[in-house]
C-alpha atoms as a PDB file:
ATOM      1  CA  MET A   1    -121.890   6.052  99.765  1.00  0.00           C
ATOM      2  CA  ASP A   2    -122.308   2.619  98.232  1.00  0.00           C
ATOM      3  CA  HIS A   3    -126.085   2.869  98.714  1.00  0.00           C
ATOM      4  CA  ILE A   4    -126.416   5.879  96.398  1.00  0.00           C
ATOM      5  CA  TYR A   5    -126.848   5.755  92.619  1.00  0.00           C
ATOM      6  CA  ILE A   6    -127.210   8.470  90.015  1.00  0.00           C
ATOM      7  CA  ALA A   7    -129.245   8.484  86.803  1.00  0.00           C
ATOM      8  CA  LEU A   8    -128.743  10.577  83.698  1.00  0.00           C
ATOM      9  CA  ILE A   9    -132.295  10.888  82.370  1.00  0.00           C
ATOM     10  CA  HIS A  10    -132.671  11.356  78.609  1.00  0.00           C
ATOM     11  CA  TYR A  11    -136.412  10.623  78.606  1.00  0.00           C
ATOM     12  CA  PRO A  12    -138.824  12.007  79.629  1.00  0.00           C
ATOM     13  CA  VAL A  13    -137.356  15.510  79.626  1.00  0.00           C
ATOM     14  CA  TYR A  14    -138.427  18.857  78.224  1.00  0.00           C
ATOM     15  CA  ASP A  15    -137.137  20.751  75.212  1.00  0.00           C
ATOM     16  CA  ARG A  16    -136.905  24.555  75.176  1.00  0.00           C
ATOM     17  CA  GLN A  17    -140.588  24.824  74.125  1.00  0.00           C
ATOM     18  CA  GLY A  18    -141.732  22.634  77.020  1.00  0.00           C
ATOM     19  CA  ARG A  19    -142.452  19.557  74.872  1.00  0.00           C
ATOM     20  CA  VAL A  20    -141.618  16.120  76.254  1.00  0.00           C
ATOM     21  CA  ILE A  21    -138.751  14.621  74.265  1.00  0.00           C
ATOM     22  CA  ALA A  22    -135.894  12.117  74.358  1.00  0.00           C
ATOM     23  CA  THR A  23    -132.494  13.800  74.143  1.00  0.00           C
ATOM     24  CA  ALA A  24    -129.402  12.422  72.436  1.00  0.00           C
ATOM     25  CA  LEU A  25    -126.680  11.374  74.813  1.00  0.00           C
ATOM     26  CA  THR A  26    -123.246  12.882  74.766  1.00  0.00           C
ATOM     27  CA  THR A  27    -120.295  10.663  75.527  1.00  0.00           C
ATOM     28  CA  ILE A  28    -118.625  13.329  77.674  1.00  0.00           C
ATOM     29  CA  ASP A  29    -121.630  13.260  80.038  1.00  0.00           C
ATOM     30  CA  ILE A  30    -121.235   9.506  80.460  1.00  0.00           C
ATOM     31  CA  HIS A  31    -117.499   9.832  81.134  1.00  0.00           C
ATOM     32  CA  ASP A  32    -117.930  12.676  83.606  1.00  0.00           C
ATOM     33  CA  LEU A  33    -120.868  11.180  85.510  1.00  0.00           C
ATOM     34  CA  ALA A  34    -119.041   7.853  85.776  1.00  0.00           C
ATOM     35  CA  ARG A  35    -116.006   9.678  87.149  1.00  0.00           C
ATOM     36  CA  LEU A  36    -118.224  11.508  89.641  1.00  0.00           C
ATOM     37  CA  ALA A  37    -119.750   8.208  90.762  1.00  0.00           C
ATOM     38  CA  ARG A  38    -116.300   6.712  91.278  1.00  0.00           C
ATOM     39  CA  THR A  39    -114.910   9.826  93.002  1.00  0.00           C
ATOM     40  CA  TYR A  40    -117.734   9.903  95.560  1.00  0.00           C
ATOM     41  CA  GLY A  41    -117.840   6.107  96.043  1.00  0.00           C
ATOM     42  CA  LEU A  42    -121.331   5.669  94.615  1.00  0.00           C
ATOM     43  CA  ALA A  43    -122.803   2.264  93.832  1.00  0.00           C
ATOM     44  CA  GLY A  44    -123.390   3.079  90.169  1.00  0.00           C
ATOM     45  CA  GLY A  45    -124.890   5.289  87.532  1.00  0.00           C
ATOM     46  CA  TYR A  46    -127.644   4.729  84.997  1.00  0.00           C
ATOM     47  CA  VAL A  47    -128.027   6.131  81.504  1.00  0.00           C
ATOM     48  CA  VAL A  48    -131.799   6.197  80.955  1.00  0.00           C
ATOM     49  CA  THR A  49    -133.050   6.306  77.371  1.00  0.00           C
ATOM     50  CA  PRO A  50    -135.597   4.286  75.413  1.00  0.00           C
ATOM     51  CA  LEU A  51    -133.650   4.901  72.198  1.00  0.00           C
ATOM     52  CA  GLN A  52    -131.815   1.690  71.315  1.00  0.00           C
ATOM     53  CA  SER A  53    -129.325   3.516  69.069  1.00  0.00           C
ATOM     54  CA  GLN A  54    -128.336   5.697  72.025  1.00  0.00           C
ATOM     55  CA  GLN A  55    -128.013   2.686  74.328  1.00  0.00           C
ATOM     56  CA  GLU A  56    -125.791   1.023  71.730  1.00  0.00           C
ATOM     57  CA  LEU A  57    -123.582   4.128  71.592  1.00  0.00           C
ATOM     58  CA  ALA A  58    -123.277   4.086  75.389  1.00  0.00           C
ATOM     59  CA  ARG A  59    -122.493   0.360  75.372  1.00  0.00           C
ATOM     60  CA  ARG A  60    -119.794   0.785  72.711  1.00  0.00           C
ATOM     61  CA  LEU A  61    -118.229   3.558  74.783  1.00  0.00           C
ATOM     62  CA  THR A  62    -118.304   1.650  78.068  1.00  0.00           C
ATOM     63  CA  ASP A  63    -117.218  -1.644  76.468  1.00  0.00           C
ATOM     64  CA  HIS A  64    -114.154   0.064  74.981  1.00  0.00           C
ATOM     65  CA  TRP A  65    -113.046   1.366  78.387  1.00  0.00           C
ATOM     66  CA  VAL A  66    -114.169  -1.606  80.499  1.00  0.00           C
ATOM     67  CA  LYS A  67    -113.500  -4.632  78.254  1.00  0.00           C
ATOM     68  CA  GLY A  68    -111.578  -3.344  75.242  1.00  0.00           C
ATOM     69  CA  ARG A  69    -108.208  -1.765  74.608  1.00  0.00           C
ATOM     70  CA  GLY A  70    -109.141   1.237  76.737  1.00  0.00           C
ATOM     71  CA  ALA A  71    -109.209  -0.967  79.858  1.00  0.00           C
ATOM     72  CA  VAL A  72    -105.471  -1.588  79.545  1.00  0.00           C
ATOM     73  CA  TYR A  73    -104.672   1.918  78.340  1.00  0.00           C
ATOM     74  CA  ASN A  74    -106.450   3.678  81.230  1.00  0.00           C
ATOM     75  CA  PRO A  75    -107.336   1.435  84.215  1.00  0.00           C
ATOM     76  CA  THR A  76    -108.741   4.321  86.260  1.00  0.00           C
ATOM     77  CA  ARG A  77    -111.239   5.125  83.515  1.00  0.00           C
ATOM     78  CA  LYS A  78    -112.152   1.422  83.511  1.00  0.00           C
ATOM     79  CA  GLU A  79    -112.933   1.692  87.243  1.00  0.00           C
ATOM     80  CA  ALA A  80    -115.252   4.618  86.651  1.00  0.00           C
ATOM     81  CA  LEU A  81    -117.010   3.376  83.510  1.00  0.00           C
ATOM     82  CA  SER A  82    -117.605  -0.071  85.014  1.00  0.00           C
ATOM     83  CA  LEU A  83    -120.197   1.676  87.215  1.00  0.00           C
ATOM     84  CA  VAL A  84    -122.375   2.620  84.201  1.00  0.00           C
ATOM     85  CA  ARG A  85    -125.580   0.719  83.478  1.00  0.00           C
ATOM     86  CA  MET A  86    -128.354   1.208  80.903  1.00  0.00           C
ATOM     87  CA  ALA A  87    -132.114   1.363  81.363  1.00  0.00           C
ATOM     88  CA  ASP A  88    -134.988   2.017  78.960  1.00  0.00           C
ATOM     89  CA  ASP A  89    -136.819   4.114  81.545  1.00  0.00           C
ATOM     90  CA  LEU A  90    -136.789   5.122  85.200  1.00  0.00           C
ATOM     91  CA  GLU A  91    -138.702   1.987  86.173  1.00  0.00           C
ATOM     92  CA  GLY A  92    -135.975  -0.142  84.591  1.00  0.00           C
ATOM     93  CA  ALA A  93    -133.314   1.626  86.656  1.00  0.00           C
ATOM     94  CA  LEU A  94    -135.384   1.240  89.826  1.00  0.00           C
ATOM     95  CA  ASP A  95    -135.962  -2.456  89.086  1.00  0.00           C
ATOM     96  CA  GLY A  96    -132.220  -2.968  88.535  1.00  0.00           C
ATOM     97  CA  ILE A  97    -131.320  -1.342  91.841  1.00  0.00           C
ATOM     98  CA  GLU A  98    -134.084  -3.150  93.733  1.00  0.00           C
ATOM     99  CA  ALA A  99    -132.904  -6.489  92.300  1.00  0.00           C
ATOM    100  CA  GLU A 100    -129.338  -5.669  93.395  1.00  0.00           C
ATOM    101  CA  ARG A 101    -130.205  -4.306  96.838  1.00  0.00           C
ATOM    102  CA  GLY A 102    -133.405  -6.150  97.730  1.00  0.00           C
ATOM    103  CA  ARG A 103    -135.059  -2.927  98.884  1.00  0.00           C
ATOM    104  CA  ARG A 104    -137.292  -0.176  97.550  1.00  0.00           C
ATOM    105  CA  VAL A 105    -135.326   2.713  96.044  1.00  0.00           C
ATOM    106  CA  ARG A 106    -135.930   6.306  97.152  1.00  0.00           C
ATOM    107  CA  THR A 107    -135.652   8.853  94.347  1.00  0.00           C
ATOM    108  CA  VAL A 108    -134.245  12.369  94.586  1.00  0.00           C
ATOM    109  CA  ALA A 109    -135.190  14.741  91.741  1.00  0.00           C
ATOM    110  CA  THR A 110    -132.986  17.676  90.797  1.00  0.00           C
ATOM    111  CA  ALA A 111    -134.259  20.761  89.000  1.00  0.00           C
ATOM    112  CA  ALA A 112    -133.213  24.289  88.090  1.00  0.00           C
ATOM    113  CA  ARG A 113    -136.628  25.606  89.235  1.00  0.00           C
ATOM    114  CA  ARG A 114    -137.899  25.928  92.773  1.00  0.00           C
ATOM    115  CA  TYR A 115    -140.562  23.484  93.938  1.00  0.00           C
ATOM    116  CA  ALA A 116    -142.665  23.530  97.080  1.00  0.00           C
ATOM    117  CA  GLY A 117    -141.309  21.086  99.616  1.00  0.00           C
ATOM    118  CA  ALA A 118    -137.825  20.967  98.086  1.00  0.00           C
ATOM    119  CA  ARG A 119    -135.160  19.811 100.532  1.00  0.00           C
ATOM    120  CA  SER A 120    -132.098  21.867 101.317  1.00  0.00           C
ATOM    121  CA  TYR A 121    -128.674  20.411 100.616  1.00  0.00           C
ATOM    122  CA  GLU A 122    -127.992  20.138 104.330  1.00  0.00           C
ATOM    123  CA  GLU A 123    -131.228  18.282 104.983  1.00  0.00           C
ATOM    124  CA  MET A 124    -130.799  15.962 101.998  1.00  0.00           C
ATOM    125  CA  ALA A 125    -127.162  15.262 102.918  1.00  0.00           C
ATOM    126  CA  GLY A 126    -128.369  14.148 106.342  1.00  0.00           C
ATOM    127  CA  LEU A 127    -130.985  11.847 104.812  1.00  0.00           C
ATOM    128  CA  LEU A 128    -128.450  10.320 102.422  1.00  0.00           C
ATOM    129  CA  GLN A 129    -126.165   9.454 105.339  1.00  0.00           C
ATOM    130  CA  LYS A 130    -128.838   7.086 106.671  1.00  0.00           C
ATOM    131  CA  LYS A 131    -127.790   3.967 104.804  1.00  0.00           C
ATOM    132  CA  GLU A 132    -130.639   1.963 106.319  1.00  0.00           C
ATOM    133  CA  ASP A 133    -133.193   4.232 104.568  1.00  0.00           C
ATOM    134  CA  GLY A 134    -131.663   3.663 101.134  1.00  0.00           C
ATOM    135  CA  PRO A 135    -130.848   2.847  98.467  1.00  0.00           C
ATOM    136  CA  TYR A 136    -131.203   6.268  96.832  1.00  0.00           C
ATOM    137  CA  LEU A 137    -131.250   7.252  93.168  1.00  0.00           C
ATOM    138  CA  ILE A 138    -130.462  10.893  92.338  1.00  0.00           C
ATOM    139  CA  LEU A 139    -132.079  11.951  89.049  1.00  0.00           C
ATOM    140  CA  PHE A 140    -130.335  14.385  86.700  1.00  0.00           C
ATOM    141  CA  GLY A 141    -132.315  15.568  83.684  1.00  0.00           C
ATOM    142  CA  THR A 142    -130.878  16.439  80.294  1.00  0.00           C
ATOM    143  CA  GLY A 143    -132.376  18.888  77.794  1.00  0.00           C
ATOM    144  CA  TRP A 144    -134.432  21.453  79.691  1.00  0.00           C
ATOM    145  CA  GLY A 145    -134.911  19.221  82.716  1.00  0.00           C
ATOM    146  CA  LEU A 146    -137.007  16.444  84.155  1.00  0.00           C
ATOM    147  CA  THR A 147    -140.739  16.478  83.491  1.00  0.00           C
ATOM    148  CA  GLN A 148    -143.136  17.789  86.115  1.00  0.00           C
ATOM    149  CA  GLU A 149    -144.534  14.268  86.592  1.00  0.00           C
ATOM    150  CA  MET A 150    -141.097  12.800  87.219  1.00  0.00           C
ATOM    151  CA  ILE A 151    -140.232  15.511  89.731  1.00  0.00           C
ATOM    152  CA  GLU A 152    -143.537  15.287  91.570  1.00  0.00           C
ATOM    153  CA  GLY A 153    -143.370  11.469  91.529  1.00  0.00           C
ATOM    154  CA  SER A 154    -140.008  11.455  93.318  1.00  0.00           C
ATOM    155  CA  ASP A 155    -139.641  10.784  97.005  1.00  0.00           C
ATOM    156  CA  TYR A 156    -137.612  13.969  97.432  1.00  0.00           C
ATOM    157  CA  ILE A 157    -136.968  17.123  95.438  1.00  0.00           C
ATOM    158  CA  LEU A 158    -133.675  18.930  95.928  1.00  0.00           C
ATOM    159  CA  GLU A 159    -133.508  22.711  95.965  1.00  0.00           C
ATOM    160  CA  PRO A 160    -131.931  24.235  92.841  1.00  0.00           C
ATOM    161  CA  ILE A 161    -128.348  25.426  92.635  1.00  0.00           C
ATOM    162  CA  GLY A 162    -128.405  29.120  93.461  1.00  0.00           C
ATOM    163  CA  GLY A 163    -126.690  31.200  90.823  1.00  0.00           C
ATOM    164  CA  LYS A 164    -126.586  34.885  89.997  1.00  0.00           C
ATOM    165  CA  GLY A 165    -129.695  34.955  87.792  1.00  0.00           C
ATOM    166  CA  TYR A 166    -128.413  32.629  85.061  1.00  0.00           C
ATOM    167  CA  ASN A 167    -129.308  29.033  85.839  1.00  0.00           C
ATOM    168  CA  HIS A 168    -128.710  26.806  82.830  1.00  0.00           C
ATOM    169  CA  LEU A 169    -125.725  24.612  83.691  1.00  0.00           C
ATOM    170  CA  SER A 170    -124.668  21.541  81.766  1.00  0.00           C
ATOM    171  CA  VAL A 171    -125.896  18.376  83.441  1.00  0.00           C
ATOM    172  CA  ARG A 172    -122.349  17.261  84.268  1.00  0.00           C
ATOM    173  CA  THR A 173    -121.522  20.603  85.886  1.00  0.00           C
ATOM    174  CA  ALA A 174    -124.746  20.609  87.899  1.00  0.00           C
ATOM    175  CA  ALA A 175    -124.177  16.989  88.948  1.00  0.00           C
ATOM    176  CA  ALA A 176    -120.655  17.786  90.169  1.00  0.00           C
ATOM    177  CA  ILE A 177    -121.862  20.743  92.245  1.00  0.00           C
ATOM    178  CA  ILE A 178    -124.803  18.810  93.659  1.00  0.00           C
ATOM    179  CA  LEU A 179    -122.824  15.697  94.562  1.00  0.00           C
ATOM    180  CA  ASP A 180    -120.125  17.758  96.228  1.00  0.00           C
ATOM    181  CA  ARG A 181    -122.712  19.664  98.261  1.00  0.00           C
ATOM    182  CA  LEU A 182    -124.403  16.418  99.293  1.00  0.00           C
ATOM    183  CA  LEU A 183    -121.433  14.103  99.736  1.00  0.00           C
ATOM    184  CA  GLY A 184    -118.242  16.159  99.829  1.00  0.00           C
ATOM    185  CA  ARG A 185    -116.186  16.638 102.938  1.00  0.00           C
ATOM    186  CA  ARG A 186    -117.093  19.685 104.941  1.00  0.00           C
ATOM    187  CA  VAL A 187    -114.291  21.988 106.066  1.00  0.00           C
ATOM    188  CA  ARG A 188    -115.105  23.422 109.470  1.00  0.00           C
END
């Protein structure tokens, strides 16, 4: 799955009143998404925020585990966190991947709401297997989710996780479920 990337989008996302905001990052999200990327053999993960103070926090965290004392203390965490990159916005992440891969990136939006034309997990898993069609960037929104424009501007929209009426998972929980459904081994 070295042609698949993930992005933790902190801007533009919605707040509970539907306003477009930039959310603060949480270090546990960075740790857990990096570990997911490493577990599923992904090419990397982006933290997307225009807030320089938040990028600095993410850099301090990753530098500690990749270059600092944490690298010696926990080499497996170093492996995971070495996959983390920063970008000011989605375009910056796309440019970084395109520079690395030499090809246009296809984006996959995730959302808790249903959208017309959303792909099923089975269908999207099949598309992701086609390495020659990639690279792919799977977008995970923080706050109250990705903006309508970001979702509609994506190449693909993934169907929401079906729950029992309550559908407000943490981004790291949703990402784990989604990546396992898309990339996990199937028991038959």
